[in-house]
């Protein structure tokens, strides 16, 4: 299995990001990828106001566009995450599409990132998002895999449950800042892989 990690500097709207993503998926396929992974919030800026403005249903054009590309290219795609509008709430949700364009997994971020430093940084995902409750694993031709999102990485029990359910690869779409990201990629990602004897695929 060859995996492409697609780093994306998000543009202002889902429409603009979808066009960029389509180009990146074509390139990934041309370079021999079997599966491509997009980062967290690949459809809009990482801001609470954007989450509300661009909250979308599961059949939104943005997600349908990625599904169609997966089918057209014969490529599995972990579609990062989007602000999902469902049940009168908004979730930070990731989707996986197989090489026929069918959705084979959905995950709603279970641990929301809230930071409130007196006199410093303030960002509260919980101001907008509702936390998910499910552990997500899915089957592929290369074995069973798991899916979580960004700050979920800080909770080893989630990884352990997925590996106990048979996951050999765990996907971690993320959108860490420079300040927090440097403390996670080399340290916590490696730790989770060693703890669970599995592969961790992280796209930021």
N, C-alpha and C. Protein backbone atom coordinates (compact mmCIF):
# COMPACT_ATOMS: atom_id res chain seq x y z
N UNK A 1 0.84 -1.19 0.00
CA UNK A 1 0.00 0.00 0.00
C UNK A 1 0.88 1.24 0.00
N UNK A 2 0.64 2.13 -0.94
CA UNK A 2 1.36 3.40 -0.99
C UNK A 2 0.40 4.52 -0.60
N UNK A 3 0.79 5.31 0.39
CA UNK A 3 -0.07 6.36 0.94
C UNK A 3 0.49 7.73 0.59
N UNK A 4 -0.40 8.64 0.17
CA UNK A 4 -0.03 10.02 -0.09
C UNK A 4 -0.61 10.90 1.01
N UNK A 5 0.24 11.68 1.67
CA UNK A 5 -0.20 12.65 2.67
C UNK A 5 -0.28 14.01 1.98
N UNK A 6 -1.48 14.56 1.91
CA UNK A 6 -1.71 15.79 1.15
C UNK A 6 -1.77 16.98 2.09
N UNK A 7 -0.68 17.74 2.15
CA UNK A 7 -0.65 18.95 2.95
C UNK A 7 -1.35 20.06 2.19
N UNK A 8 -2.23 20.76 2.88
CA UNK A 8 -3.09 21.73 2.20
C UNK A 8 -3.14 23.02 3.00
N UNK A 9 -2.76 24.11 2.38
CA UNK A 9 -2.97 25.43 2.97
C UNK A 9 -4.38 25.86 2.56
N UNK A 10 -5.30 25.82 3.51
CA UNK A 10 -6.70 26.01 3.15
C UNK A 10 -6.98 27.39 2.59
N UNK A 11 -7.86 27.39 1.59
CA UNK A 11 -8.33 28.62 0.95
C UNK A 11 -9.63 29.04 1.61
N UNK A 12 -10.17 30.21 1.29
CA UNK A 12 -11.32 30.74 2.04
C UNK A 12 -12.61 29.95 1.97
N UNK A 13 -12.87 29.21 0.87
CA UNK A 13 -14.18 28.57 0.72
C UNK A 13 -14.05 27.09 0.37
N UNK A 14 -15.07 26.29 0.65
CA UNK A 14 -15.04 24.88 0.26
C UNK A 14 -14.86 24.68 -1.24
N UNK A 15 -15.48 25.54 -2.03
CA UNK A 15 -15.38 25.41 -3.50
C UNK A 15 -13.94 25.54 -3.96
N UNK A 16 -13.24 26.52 -3.43
CA UNK A 16 -11.84 26.72 -3.81
C UNK A 16 -10.97 25.55 -3.33
N UNK A 17 -11.22 25.10 -2.13
CA UNK A 17 -10.43 23.98 -1.59
C UNK A 17 -10.70 22.70 -2.35
N UNK A 18 -11.94 22.47 -2.77
CA UNK A 18 -12.26 21.26 -3.53
C UNK A 18 -11.48 21.22 -4.84
N UNK A 19 -11.38 22.33 -5.53
CA UNK A 19 -10.64 22.35 -6.79
C UNK A 19 -9.17 22.04 -6.55
N UNK A 20 -8.60 22.59 -5.48
CA UNK A 20 -7.20 22.29 -5.16
C UNK A 20 -7.03 20.83 -4.79
N UNK A 21 -7.96 20.30 -4.00
CA UNK A 21 -7.88 18.90 -3.58
C UNK A 21 -7.97 17.96 -4.78
N UNK A 22 -8.85 18.26 -5.72
CA UNK A 22 -8.97 17.44 -6.92
C UNK A 22 -7.63 17.34 -7.65
N UNK A 23 -6.94 18.47 -7.78
CA UNK A 23 -5.63 18.48 -8.44
C UNK A 23 -4.63 17.61 -7.67
N UNK A 24 -4.68 17.71 -6.35
CA UNK A 24 -3.74 16.94 -5.53
C UNK A 24 -4.04 15.44 -5.59
N UNK A 25 -5.30 15.07 -5.66
CA UNK A 25 -5.67 13.66 -5.77
C UNK A 25 -5.21 13.08 -7.10
N UNK A 26 -5.36 13.84 -8.16
CA UNK A 26 -4.89 13.39 -9.48
C UNK A 26 -3.39 13.15 -9.44
N UNK A 27 -2.66 14.09 -8.85
CA UNK A 27 -1.21 13.95 -8.76
C UNK A 27 -0.83 12.73 -7.91
N UNK A 28 -1.55 12.54 -6.79
CA UNK A 28 -1.26 11.39 -5.94
C UNK A 28 -1.44 10.08 -6.70
N UNK A 29 -2.51 9.99 -7.47
CA UNK A 29 -2.76 8.78 -8.25
C UNK A 29 -1.69 8.58 -9.31
N UNK A 30 -1.31 9.66 -9.98
CA UNK A 30 -0.28 9.58 -11.01
C UNK A 30 1.06 9.10 -10.43
N UNK A 31 1.29 9.40 -9.16
CA UNK A 31 2.54 9.01 -8.52
C UNK A 31 2.44 7.66 -7.82
N UNK A 32 1.32 6.95 -8.07
CA UNK A 32 1.22 5.56 -7.62
C UNK A 32 0.56 5.33 -6.28
N UNK A 33 -0.11 6.33 -5.72
CA UNK A 33 -0.75 6.16 -4.42
C UNK A 33 -1.95 5.23 -4.52
N UNK A 34 -2.14 4.43 -3.49
CA UNK A 34 -3.34 3.62 -3.35
C UNK A 34 -4.37 4.32 -2.46
N UNK A 35 -3.87 5.17 -1.58
CA UNK A 35 -4.72 5.85 -0.60
C UNK A 35 -4.15 7.23 -0.33
N UNK A 36 -5.04 8.23 -0.25
CA UNK A 36 -4.61 9.61 0.02
C UNK A 36 -5.29 10.12 1.28
N UNK A 37 -4.56 10.91 2.07
CA UNK A 37 -5.05 11.42 3.34
C UNK A 37 -5.01 12.93 3.34
N UNK A 38 -6.16 13.55 3.62
CA UNK A 38 -6.26 15.01 3.71
C UNK A 38 -6.21 15.43 5.18
N UNK A 39 -5.85 16.70 5.45
CA UNK A 39 -5.76 17.16 6.84
C UNK A 39 -7.12 17.55 7.43
N UNK A 40 -7.13 17.81 8.71
CA UNK A 40 -8.32 18.28 9.42
C UNK A 40 -8.80 19.61 8.84
N UNK A 41 -10.11 19.79 8.76
CA UNK A 41 -10.73 21.01 8.24
C UNK A 41 -10.12 21.40 6.89
N UNK A 42 -10.19 20.45 5.96
CA UNK A 42 -9.62 20.68 4.64
C UNK A 42 -10.52 21.51 3.74
N UNK A 43 -11.69 21.91 4.25
CA UNK A 43 -12.65 22.64 3.41
C UNK A 43 -12.71 24.14 3.71
N UNK A 44 -12.14 24.58 4.84
CA UNK A 44 -12.30 25.98 5.24
C UNK A 44 -11.24 26.36 6.25
N UNK A 45 -11.08 27.66 6.53
CA UNK A 45 -10.13 28.08 7.56
C UNK A 45 -10.49 27.49 8.92
N UNK A 46 -9.45 27.29 9.74
CA UNK A 46 -9.67 26.70 11.06
C UNK A 46 -10.09 27.78 12.06
N UNK A 47 -11.35 28.19 11.94
CA UNK A 47 -11.89 29.25 12.79
C UNK A 47 -13.33 28.90 13.11
N UNK A 48 -13.77 29.19 14.34
CA UNK A 48 -15.15 28.87 14.72
C UNK A 48 -16.17 29.53 13.81
N UNK A 49 -15.89 30.77 13.39
CA UNK A 49 -16.84 31.45 12.51
C UNK A 49 -16.97 30.72 11.18
N UNK A 50 -15.85 30.16 10.68
CA UNK A 50 -15.89 29.42 9.42
C UNK A 50 -16.60 28.08 9.60
N UNK A 51 -16.44 27.46 10.76
CA UNK A 51 -17.13 26.19 11.01
C UNK A 51 -18.64 26.38 10.93
N UNK A 52 -19.11 27.48 11.49
CA UNK A 52 -20.55 27.76 11.45
C UNK A 52 -20.99 28.11 10.03
N UNK A 53 -20.23 28.95 9.36
CA UNK A 53 -20.60 29.42 8.02
C UNK A 53 -20.63 28.28 7.02
N UNK A 54 -19.68 27.34 7.14
CA UNK A 54 -19.57 26.29 6.12
C UNK A 54 -20.00 24.91 6.62
N UNK A 55 -20.70 24.85 7.74
CA UNK A 55 -21.22 23.55 8.21
C UNK A 55 -22.05 22.91 7.10
N UNK A 56 -21.80 21.63 6.86
CA UNK A 56 -22.41 20.98 5.69
C UNK A 56 -22.98 19.62 6.04
N UNK A 57 -24.00 19.17 5.33
CA UNK A 57 -24.52 17.81 5.51
C UNK A 57 -23.59 16.81 4.84
N UNK A 58 -23.84 15.53 5.11
CA UNK A 58 -22.98 14.49 4.58
C UNK A 58 -23.03 14.42 3.05
N UNK A 59 -24.12 14.87 2.45
CA UNK A 59 -24.24 14.83 0.99
C UNK A 59 -23.90 16.17 0.34
N UNK A 60 -23.15 17.01 1.05
CA UNK A 60 -22.77 18.33 0.52
C UNK A 60 -21.90 18.18 -0.73
N UNK A 61 -21.93 19.18 -1.61
CA UNK A 61 -21.11 19.12 -2.83
C UNK A 61 -19.62 18.90 -2.56
N UNK A 62 -19.10 19.46 -1.47
CA UNK A 62 -17.68 19.29 -1.16
C UNK A 62 -17.35 17.81 -0.95
N UNK A 63 -18.12 17.15 -0.10
CA UNK A 63 -17.87 15.74 0.18
C UNK A 63 -18.20 14.86 -1.01
N UNK A 64 -19.26 15.19 -1.72
CA UNK A 64 -19.61 14.42 -2.92
C UNK A 64 -18.52 14.55 -3.98
N UNK A 65 -17.91 15.74 -4.05
CA UNK A 65 -16.82 15.94 -5.01
C UNK A 65 -15.62 15.06 -4.71
N UNK A 66 -15.29 14.91 -3.43
CA UNK A 66 -14.18 14.04 -3.05
C UNK A 66 -14.54 12.58 -3.32
N UNK A 67 -15.77 12.18 -2.99
CA UNK A 67 -16.21 10.81 -3.24
C UNK A 67 -16.14 10.48 -4.73
N UNK A 68 -16.59 11.39 -5.56
CA UNK A 68 -16.56 11.18 -7.00
C UNK A 68 -15.13 11.05 -7.52
N UNK A 69 -14.22 11.85 -6.98
CA UNK A 69 -12.82 11.75 -7.39
C UNK A 69 -12.23 10.41 -6.97
N UNK A 70 -12.57 9.95 -5.78
CA UNK A 70 -12.08 8.65 -5.31
C UNK A 70 -12.51 7.55 -6.29
N UNK A 71 -13.78 7.58 -6.67
CA UNK A 71 -14.28 6.58 -7.60
C UNK A 71 -13.67 6.70 -8.99
N UNK A 72 -13.54 7.92 -9.47
CA UNK A 72 -13.00 8.14 -10.81
C UNK A 72 -11.54 7.72 -10.91
N UNK A 73 -10.79 7.93 -9.82
CA UNK A 73 -9.36 7.63 -9.83
C UNK A 73 -9.05 6.22 -9.33
N UNK A 74 -10.06 5.54 -8.74
CA UNK A 74 -9.80 4.25 -8.14
C UNK A 74 -8.87 4.36 -6.95
N UNK A 75 -9.14 5.37 -6.10
CA UNK A 75 -8.24 5.73 -5.00
C UNK A 75 -9.01 5.78 -3.69
N UNK A 76 -8.49 5.16 -2.65
CA UNK A 76 -9.07 5.34 -1.32
C UNK A 76 -8.70 6.73 -0.81
N UNK A 77 -9.64 7.41 -0.17
CA UNK A 77 -9.38 8.77 0.33
C UNK A 77 -9.90 8.92 1.76
N UNK A 78 -9.00 9.33 2.65
CA UNK A 78 -9.39 9.75 4.00
C UNK A 78 -9.60 11.25 3.90
N UNK A 79 -10.87 11.66 3.93
CA UNK A 79 -11.22 13.05 3.59
C UNK A 79 -11.08 13.98 4.79
N UNK A 80 -9.90 13.96 5.40
CA UNK A 80 -9.58 14.90 6.47
C UNK A 80 -10.71 15.07 7.45
N UNK A 81 -11.20 16.29 7.57
CA UNK A 81 -12.44 16.51 8.31
C UNK A 81 -13.12 17.77 7.82
N UNK A 82 -14.41 17.86 8.13
CA UNK A 82 -15.23 19.03 7.76
C UNK A 82 -16.15 19.34 8.94
N UNK A 83 -16.72 20.55 8.98
CA UNK A 83 -17.77 20.82 9.97
C UNK A 83 -19.07 20.20 9.49
N UNK A 84 -19.47 19.12 10.13
CA UNK A 84 -20.64 18.35 9.71
C UNK A 84 -21.88 18.83 10.45
N UNK A 85 -22.90 19.22 9.70
CA UNK A 85 -24.19 19.60 10.28
C UNK A 85 -25.07 18.36 10.35
N UNK A 86 -25.44 17.95 11.58
CA UNK A 86 -26.27 16.76 11.76
C UNK A 86 -26.98 16.85 13.11
N UNK A 87 -28.21 16.42 13.14
CA UNK A 87 -28.98 16.37 14.39
C UNK A 87 -29.09 17.74 15.06
N UNK A 88 -29.09 18.80 14.27
CA UNK A 88 -29.19 20.14 14.83
C UNK A 88 -27.91 20.61 15.50
N UNK A 89 -26.80 19.91 15.28
CA UNK A 89 -25.52 20.25 15.88
C UNK A 89 -24.44 20.29 14.80
N UNK A 90 -23.23 20.70 15.21
CA UNK A 90 -22.09 20.70 14.30
C UNK A 90 -21.00 19.82 14.92
N UNK A 91 -20.48 18.92 14.10
CA UNK A 91 -19.42 18.01 14.55
C UNK A 91 -18.17 18.22 13.68
N UNK A 92 -17.01 17.97 14.25
CA UNK A 92 -15.78 17.89 13.48
C UNK A 92 -15.68 16.44 13.00
N UNK A 93 -15.97 16.21 11.74
CA UNK A 93 -16.16 14.84 11.26
C UNK A 93 -15.27 14.50 10.07
N UNK A 94 -14.74 13.29 10.10
CA UNK A 94 -13.91 12.77 9.01
C UNK A 94 -14.64 11.64 8.29
N UNK A 95 -14.34 11.50 7.01
CA UNK A 95 -14.97 10.47 6.18
C UNK A 95 -13.90 9.71 5.41
N UNK A 96 -14.18 8.43 5.15
CA UNK A 96 -13.30 7.61 4.31
C UNK A 96 -14.10 7.09 3.14
N UNK A 97 -13.55 7.27 1.92
CA UNK A 97 -14.19 6.79 0.69
C UNK A 97 -13.31 5.72 0.07
N UNK A 98 -13.95 4.65 -0.43
CA UNK A 98 -13.16 3.60 -1.06
C UNK A 98 -12.92 3.93 -2.53
N UNK A 99 -12.30 3.01 -3.25
CA UNK A 99 -11.91 3.28 -4.63
C UNK A 99 -13.07 3.20 -5.62
N UNK A 100 -14.28 3.03 -5.11
CA UNK A 100 -15.49 3.14 -5.94
C UNK A 100 -16.29 4.39 -5.58
N UNK A 101 -15.78 5.15 -4.61
CA UNK A 101 -16.45 6.37 -4.20
C UNK A 101 -17.49 6.18 -3.11
N UNK A 102 -17.54 5.00 -2.50
CA UNK A 102 -18.50 4.73 -1.44
C UNK A 102 -17.92 5.12 -0.09
N UNK A 103 -18.75 5.70 0.77
CA UNK A 103 -18.30 6.05 2.12
C UNK A 103 -18.26 4.78 2.96
N UNK A 104 -17.07 4.44 3.49
CA UNK A 104 -16.92 3.21 4.26
C UNK A 104 -16.66 3.48 5.74
N UNK A 105 -16.45 4.76 6.12
CA UNK A 105 -16.24 5.09 7.54
C UNK A 105 -16.53 6.56 7.77
N UNK A 106 -17.00 6.84 9.00
CA UNK A 106 -17.25 8.20 9.44
C UNK A 106 -16.78 8.30 10.89
N UNK A 107 -16.14 9.39 11.24
CA UNK A 107 -15.71 9.58 12.63
C UNK A 107 -15.97 11.02 13.06
N UNK A 108 -16.60 11.17 14.20
CA UNK A 108 -16.80 12.49 14.80
C UNK A 108 -15.78 12.66 15.93
N UNK A 109 -14.99 13.71 15.85
CA UNK A 109 -13.93 13.95 16.82
C UNK A 109 -14.46 13.82 18.24
N UNK A 110 -13.81 12.99 19.03
CA UNK A 110 -14.33 12.70 20.37
C UNK A 110 -13.76 13.61 21.45
N UNK A 111 -12.57 14.15 21.23
CA UNK A 111 -11.94 15.03 22.22
C UNK A 111 -11.72 16.40 21.57
N UNK A 112 -12.47 17.39 22.01
CA UNK A 112 -12.40 18.72 21.42
C UNK A 112 -11.25 19.51 22.03
N UNK A 113 -10.62 20.31 21.18
CA UNK A 113 -9.45 21.09 21.61
C UNK A 113 -9.90 22.44 22.14
N UNK A 114 -9.73 22.64 23.44
CA UNK A 114 -10.05 23.91 24.09
C UNK A 114 -8.80 24.44 24.78
N UNK A 115 -8.47 25.69 24.50
CA UNK A 115 -7.32 26.30 25.18
C UNK A 115 -7.70 27.72 25.58
N UNK A 116 -7.44 28.05 26.83
CA UNK A 116 -7.76 29.38 27.35
C UNK A 116 -6.66 29.77 28.33
N UNK A 117 -5.61 30.41 27.80
CA UNK A 117 -4.48 30.82 28.60
C UNK A 117 -4.68 32.28 29.02
N UNK A 118 -4.78 32.57 30.32
CA UNK A 118 -4.97 33.95 30.76
C UNK A 118 -3.93 34.89 30.14
N UNK A 119 -4.42 35.89 29.46
CA UNK A 119 -3.53 36.83 28.79
C UNK A 119 -2.89 36.29 27.54
N UNK A 120 -3.30 35.09 27.12
CA UNK A 120 -2.68 34.47 25.95
C UNK A 120 -3.69 33.90 24.99
N UNK A 121 -3.41 32.71 24.49
CA UNK A 121 -4.21 32.11 23.43
C UNK A 121 -5.57 31.63 23.93
N UNK A 122 -6.59 31.90 23.12
CA UNK A 122 -7.95 31.42 23.42
C UNK A 122 -8.52 30.81 22.16
N UNK A 123 -8.87 29.55 22.24
CA UNK A 123 -9.58 28.90 21.15
C UNK A 123 -10.34 27.72 21.74
N UNK A 124 -11.64 27.72 21.55
CA UNK A 124 -12.49 26.69 22.15
C UNK A 124 -13.31 26.01 21.07
N UNK A 125 -12.90 24.81 20.68
CA UNK A 125 -13.71 24.05 19.72
C UNK A 125 -15.11 23.81 20.27
N UNK A 126 -15.20 23.65 21.58
CA UNK A 126 -16.49 23.35 22.19
C UNK A 126 -17.47 24.52 22.10
N UNK A 127 -16.98 25.70 21.72
CA UNK A 127 -17.90 26.82 21.46
C UNK A 127 -18.80 26.52 20.26
N UNK A 128 -18.31 25.66 19.37
CA UNK A 128 -19.03 25.37 18.13
C UNK A 128 -19.39 23.89 17.98
N UNK A 129 -18.43 23.02 18.27
CA UNK A 129 -18.61 21.59 17.99
C UNK A 129 -19.22 20.84 19.17
N UNK A 130 -19.92 19.77 18.82
CA UNK A 130 -20.34 18.75 19.77
C UNK A 130 -19.40 17.57 19.63
N UNK A 131 -18.98 16.99 20.72
CA UNK A 131 -18.05 15.85 20.67
C UNK A 131 -18.76 14.58 20.21
N UNK A 132 -18.07 13.78 19.42
CA UNK A 132 -18.58 12.47 19.04
C UNK A 132 -18.37 11.47 20.16
N UNK A 133 -18.89 10.26 19.96
CA UNK A 133 -18.84 9.25 21.02
C UNK A 133 -18.30 7.91 20.53
N UNK A 134 -18.08 7.76 19.23
CA UNK A 134 -17.78 6.43 18.69
C UNK A 134 -16.29 6.22 18.45
N UNK A 135 -15.88 4.97 18.59
CA UNK A 135 -14.57 4.50 18.15
C UNK A 135 -14.74 3.98 16.73
N UNK A 136 -13.87 4.41 15.81
CA UNK A 136 -14.09 4.12 14.39
C UNK A 136 -12.99 3.25 13.81
N UNK A 137 -13.37 2.06 13.36
CA UNK A 137 -12.48 1.20 12.59
C UNK A 137 -13.19 0.78 11.31
N UNK A 138 -12.41 0.40 10.30
CA UNK A 138 -13.00 0.00 9.02
C UNK A 138 -12.05 -0.96 8.31
N UNK A 139 -12.60 -1.74 7.40
CA UNK A 139 -11.81 -2.74 6.69
C UNK A 139 -11.45 -2.27 5.28
N UNK A 140 -10.24 -2.64 4.86
CA UNK A 140 -9.73 -2.32 3.53
C UNK A 140 -9.04 -3.56 2.97
N UNK A 141 -8.64 -3.53 1.69
CA UNK A 141 -7.89 -4.68 1.15
C UNK A 141 -6.56 -4.91 1.85
N UNK A 142 -6.06 -3.90 2.59
CA UNK A 142 -4.76 -4.01 3.26
C UNK A 142 -4.92 -4.32 4.76
N UNK A 143 -6.14 -4.57 5.20
CA UNK A 143 -6.36 -4.88 6.60
C UNK A 143 -7.28 -3.88 7.27
N UNK A 144 -7.53 -4.11 8.54
CA UNK A 144 -8.40 -3.20 9.31
C UNK A 144 -7.62 -1.96 9.72
N UNK A 145 -8.31 -0.81 9.68
CA UNK A 145 -7.68 0.46 9.99
C UNK A 145 -8.56 1.26 10.94
N UNK A 146 -7.98 2.28 11.59
CA UNK A 146 -8.70 3.13 12.51
C UNK A 146 -8.63 4.58 12.10
N UNK A 147 -9.53 5.38 12.67
CA UNK A 147 -9.61 6.79 12.30
C UNK A 147 -9.93 7.63 13.52
N UNK A 148 -9.15 8.69 13.71
CA UNK A 148 -9.43 9.67 14.75
C UNK A 148 -9.00 11.03 14.22
N UNK A 149 -9.16 12.10 15.02
CA UNK A 149 -8.87 13.45 14.53
C UNK A 149 -8.05 14.23 15.56
N UNK A 150 -6.90 14.72 15.15
CA UNK A 150 -6.08 15.71 15.83
C UNK A 150 -5.94 15.49 17.34
N UNK A 151 -6.64 16.27 18.14
CA UNK A 151 -6.46 16.26 19.59
C UNK A 151 -6.83 14.92 20.22
N UNK A 152 -7.55 14.08 19.49
CA UNK A 152 -7.79 12.71 19.97
C UNK A 152 -6.47 12.00 20.29
N UNK A 153 -5.39 12.47 19.66
CA UNK A 153 -4.09 11.83 19.83
C UNK A 153 -3.61 11.84 21.28
N UNK A 154 -4.09 12.79 22.08
CA UNK A 154 -3.63 12.92 23.45
C UNK A 154 -4.24 11.87 24.38
N UNK A 155 -5.10 11.01 23.85
CA UNK A 155 -5.83 10.06 24.68
C UNK A 155 -5.50 8.63 24.23
N UNK A 156 -4.51 8.02 24.88
CA UNK A 156 -4.01 6.71 24.41
C UNK A 156 -5.05 5.61 24.44
N UNK A 157 -6.06 5.74 25.31
CA UNK A 157 -7.07 4.68 25.38
C UNK A 157 -7.81 4.51 24.06
N UNK A 158 -8.02 5.62 23.34
CA UNK A 158 -8.71 5.55 22.06
C UNK A 158 -7.92 4.70 21.07
N UNK A 159 -6.61 4.93 21.00
CA UNK A 159 -5.75 4.13 20.12
C UNK A 159 -5.77 2.67 20.54
N UNK A 160 -5.73 2.44 21.85
CA UNK A 160 -5.67 1.06 22.33
C UNK A 160 -6.94 0.30 21.96
N UNK A 161 -8.08 0.95 22.08
CA UNK A 161 -9.34 0.29 21.72
C UNK A 161 -9.34 -0.08 20.24
N UNK A 162 -8.87 0.86 19.39
CA UNK A 162 -8.85 0.58 17.95
C UNK A 162 -7.94 -0.60 17.62
N UNK A 163 -6.77 -0.66 18.25
CA UNK A 163 -5.87 -1.77 17.96
C UNK A 163 -6.42 -3.08 18.51
N UNK A 164 -7.09 -3.03 19.64
CA UNK A 164 -7.71 -4.25 20.17
C UNK A 164 -8.84 -4.73 19.25
N UNK A 165 -9.42 -3.79 18.49
CA UNK A 165 -10.44 -4.16 17.51
C UNK A 165 -9.82 -4.59 16.18
N UNK A 166 -8.50 -4.63 16.13
CA UNK A 166 -7.82 -5.17 14.96
C UNK A 166 -7.17 -4.16 14.04
N UNK A 167 -7.20 -2.87 14.39
CA UNK A 167 -6.61 -1.85 13.51
C UNK A 167 -5.09 -1.99 13.45
N UNK A 168 -4.57 -2.07 12.24
CA UNK A 168 -3.12 -2.15 12.03
C UNK A 168 -2.53 -0.81 11.60
N UNK A 169 -3.39 0.05 11.08
CA UNK A 169 -3.01 1.41 10.67
C UNK A 169 -4.05 2.35 11.24
N UNK A 170 -3.61 3.48 11.82
CA UNK A 170 -4.54 4.46 12.37
C UNK A 170 -4.25 5.82 11.72
N UNK A 171 -5.28 6.39 11.12
CA UNK A 171 -5.16 7.68 10.43
C UNK A 171 -5.48 8.81 11.40
N UNK A 172 -4.66 9.88 11.30
CA UNK A 172 -4.75 10.99 12.23
C UNK A 172 -4.73 12.32 11.48
N UNK A 173 -5.81 12.69 10.77
CA UNK A 173 -5.84 14.02 10.16
C UNK A 173 -5.83 15.08 11.26
N UNK A 174 -5.03 16.13 11.06
CA UNK A 174 -4.85 17.11 12.12
C UNK A 174 -4.68 18.51 11.55
N UNK A 175 -4.73 19.49 12.46
CA UNK A 175 -4.47 20.88 12.10
C UNK A 175 -3.79 21.56 13.29
N UNK A 176 -2.64 21.03 13.68
CA UNK A 176 -1.92 21.59 14.79
C UNK A 176 -1.29 22.93 14.42
N UNK A 177 -1.19 23.83 15.39
CA UNK A 177 -0.45 25.06 15.19
C UNK A 177 1.05 24.75 15.31
N UNK A 178 1.88 25.70 14.90
CA UNK A 178 3.32 25.50 15.05
C UNK A 178 3.69 25.30 16.51
N UNK A 179 3.02 26.06 17.40
CA UNK A 179 3.36 25.99 18.82
C UNK A 179 3.03 24.63 19.42
N UNK A 180 1.88 24.06 19.05
CA UNK A 180 1.49 22.77 19.63
C UNK A 180 1.97 21.60 18.78
N UNK A 181 2.04 21.77 17.50
CA UNK A 181 2.39 20.66 16.62
C UNK A 181 3.77 20.09 16.87
N UNK A 182 4.74 20.96 17.12
CA UNK A 182 6.11 20.47 17.30
C UNK A 182 6.23 19.57 18.53
N UNK A 183 5.28 19.67 19.46
CA UNK A 183 5.30 18.84 20.66
C UNK A 183 4.61 17.49 20.42
N UNK A 184 3.98 17.32 19.26
CA UNK A 184 3.19 16.12 19.03
C UNK A 184 3.77 15.17 17.98
N UNK A 185 4.20 15.72 16.85
CA UNK A 185 4.52 14.84 15.73
C UNK A 185 5.61 13.84 16.08
N UNK A 186 6.74 14.31 16.58
CA UNK A 186 7.86 13.41 16.83
C UNK A 186 7.69 12.61 18.11
N UNK A 187 7.01 13.19 19.08
CA UNK A 187 6.91 12.55 20.39
C UNK A 187 5.67 11.66 20.52
N UNK A 188 4.50 12.25 20.45
CA UNK A 188 3.29 11.48 20.75
C UNK A 188 2.94 10.52 19.63
N UNK A 189 3.11 10.93 18.36
CA UNK A 189 2.80 10.00 17.27
C UNK A 189 3.68 8.76 17.33
N UNK A 190 4.97 8.94 17.56
CA UNK A 190 5.86 7.79 17.69
C UNK A 190 5.47 6.93 18.89
N UNK A 191 5.11 7.61 19.98
CA UNK A 191 4.71 6.87 21.18
C UNK A 191 3.49 6.00 20.92
N UNK A 192 2.48 6.57 20.25
CA UNK A 192 1.26 5.80 19.99
C UNK A 192 1.57 4.60 19.08
N UNK A 193 2.46 4.79 18.12
CA UNK A 193 2.81 3.68 17.24
C UNK A 193 3.51 2.56 18.01
N UNK A 194 4.44 2.95 18.90
CA UNK A 194 5.18 1.95 19.67
C UNK A 194 4.26 1.26 20.67
N UNK A 195 3.44 2.04 21.37
CA UNK A 195 2.54 1.47 22.37
C UNK A 195 1.63 0.39 21.80
N UNK A 196 1.19 0.62 20.57
CA UNK A 196 0.15 -0.25 20.00
C UNK A 196 0.66 -1.16 18.89
N UNK A 197 1.97 -1.07 18.60
CA UNK A 197 2.56 -1.89 17.54
C UNK A 197 1.75 -1.78 16.25
N UNK A 198 1.46 -0.51 15.86
CA UNK A 198 0.71 -0.26 14.64
C UNK A 198 1.34 0.92 13.91
N UNK A 199 0.89 1.14 12.70
CA UNK A 199 1.33 2.30 11.93
C UNK A 199 0.41 3.47 12.22
N UNK A 200 1.00 4.68 12.34
CA UNK A 200 0.22 5.90 12.50
C UNK A 200 0.46 6.76 11.27
N UNK A 201 -0.61 7.15 10.58
CA UNK A 201 -0.51 7.99 9.38
C UNK A 201 -1.11 9.34 9.71
N UNK A 202 -0.26 10.36 9.81
CA UNK A 202 -0.73 11.68 10.25
C UNK A 202 -0.57 12.71 9.15
N UNK A 203 -1.68 13.37 8.81
CA UNK A 203 -1.66 14.43 7.80
C UNK A 203 -2.05 15.75 8.46
N UNK A 204 -1.23 16.78 8.26
CA UNK A 204 -1.48 18.07 8.89
C UNK A 204 -1.55 19.16 7.83
